Amino acid sequence: MVNPIRGLFEITKITDKNGVDRTDGRYPLRLKRRCRLYILGCDAPLLAEYAPRDDENYGGTLRTSLVEQLEAFQGVWKITTLNSVYYFKEL
């Protein structure tokens, strides 16, 4: 098993590759969820294991399409996949 990136993250934004917010499917439900990130590298999916707060009722793991690019700057991770761009804020 791959170790997670240390700490918890919150999903702050999910867009398509043109920068338009993803409002289709389950994308809006994922916003503001806390998770631990497991990055296997480019050309592999990103795994985000949900870590709900005490008053939240969700769980499981988000598995994205294959990662194309990773960027991190001042506590914000931008992860571009084949289908979407995810933004995570370190908590």
Protein backbone atom coordinates (compact mmCIF):
# COMPACT_ATOMS: atom_id res chain seq x y z
CA MET A 1 0.00 0.00 0.00
CA VAL A 2 1.22 3.47 -0.83
CA ASN A 3 1.52 5.92 2.07
CA PRO A 4 -0.67 9.02 1.97
CA ILE A 5 0.61 12.54 1.71
CA ARG A 6 0.79 13.68 5.32
CA GLY A 7 -2.17 15.57 6.68
CA LEU A 8 -5.75 16.12 5.73
CA PHE A 9 -7.00 17.95 2.68
CA GLU A 10 -10.29 19.49 1.65
CA ILE A 11 -11.62 19.39 -1.88
CA THR A 12 -12.18 23.06 -2.68
CA LYS A 13 -12.91 23.01 -6.40
CA ILE A 14 -13.37 20.61 -9.31
CA THR A 15 -13.34 21.89 -12.88
CA ASP A 16 -13.14 20.51 -16.38
CA LYS A 17 -9.88 21.06 -18.21
CA ASN A 18 -11.15 24.41 -19.55
CA GLY A 19 -11.66 25.75 -16.00
CA VAL A 20 -15.46 25.39 -15.94
CA ASP A 21 -16.84 24.11 -12.63
CA ARG A 22 -17.99 20.48 -12.78
CA THR A 23 -21.66 20.50 -11.80
CA ASP A 24 -22.58 17.18 -13.40
CA GLY A 25 -22.95 13.82 -11.70
CA ARG A 26 -21.53 13.47 -8.19
CA TYR A 27 -18.93 16.23 -8.54
CA PRO A 28 -20.85 18.85 -6.48
CA LEU A 29 -21.24 16.35 -3.60
CA ARG A 30 -17.46 16.01 -3.31
CA LEU A 31 -16.82 19.68 -2.60
CA LYS A 32 -15.71 20.52 0.96
CA ARG A 33 -15.12 16.88 1.81
CA ARG A 34 -12.03 16.07 3.85
CA CYS A 35 -9.68 13.33 2.71
CA ARG A 36 -6.25 11.80 2.79
CA LEU A 37 -4.48 11.78 -0.57
CA TYR A 38 -2.72 8.79 -2.06
CA ILE A 39 -0.83 9.86 -5.16
CA LEU A 40 0.60 6.97 -7.11
CA GLY A 41 2.17 9.27 -9.70
CA CYS A 42 1.35 10.38 -13.21
CA ASP A 43 -0.40 7.84 -15.43
CA ALA A 44 -2.07 6.31 -12.34
CA PRO A 45 -5.31 7.27 -10.59
CA LEU A 46 -5.41 9.54 -7.55
CA LEU A 47 -7.03 7.98 -4.50
CA ALA A 48 -8.66 10.21 -1.91
CA GLU A 49 -9.78 8.39 1.23
CA TYR A 50 -12.60 10.37 2.80
CA ALA A 51 -12.15 11.46 6.43
CA PRO A 52 -15.50 12.92 7.52
CA ARG A 53 -15.87 15.23 10.49
CA ASP A 54 -17.93 13.92 13.44
CA ASP A 55 -21.17 15.48 12.19
CA GLU A 56 -20.80 14.32 8.55
CA ASN A 57 -22.20 11.17 7.00
CA TYR A 58 -20.04 10.04 4.10
CA GLY A 59 -17.18 7.65 3.62
CA GLY A 60 -15.29 5.60 1.11
CA THR A 61 -12.63 6.44 -1.43
CA LEU A 62 -12.66 8.67 -4.49
CA ARG A 63 -10.72 7.19 -7.41
CA THR A 64 -10.05 9.62 -10.26
CA SER A 65 -9.08 9.03 -13.84
CA LEU A 66 -5.34 8.92 -14.57
CA VAL A 67 -3.27 11.81 -13.23
CA GLU A 68 -1.56 13.93 -15.88
CA GLN A 69 -0.03 16.72 -13.78
CA LEU A 70 0.59 17.60 -10.13
CA GLU A 71 1.19 21.11 -8.83
CA ALA A 72 1.49 22.32 -5.24
CA PHE A 73 1.79 25.92 -4.06
CA GLN A 74 1.35 27.33 -0.56
CA GLY A 75 -0.82 24.50 0.75
CA VAL A 76 -2.97 24.12 -2.36
CA TRP A 77 -2.64 21.08 -4.61
CA LYS A 78 -3.86 21.22 -8.19
CA ILE A 79 -4.15 17.77 -9.69
CA THR A 80 -5.05 17.45 -13.36
CA THR A 81 -6.51 14.14 -14.48
CA LEU A 82 -7.66 12.93 -17.89
CA ASN A 83 -11.17 14.24 -17.21
CA SER A 84 -11.00 16.92 -14.50
CA VAL A 85 -8.89 19.28 -12.44
CA TYR A 86 -9.09 18.87 -8.64
CA TYR A 87 -8.05 21.49 -6.11
CA PHE A 88 -7.18 20.39 -2.57
CA LYS A 89 -6.38 22.67 0.36
CA GLU A 90 -4.16 21.39 3.17
CA LEU A 91 -5.89 21.59 6.52
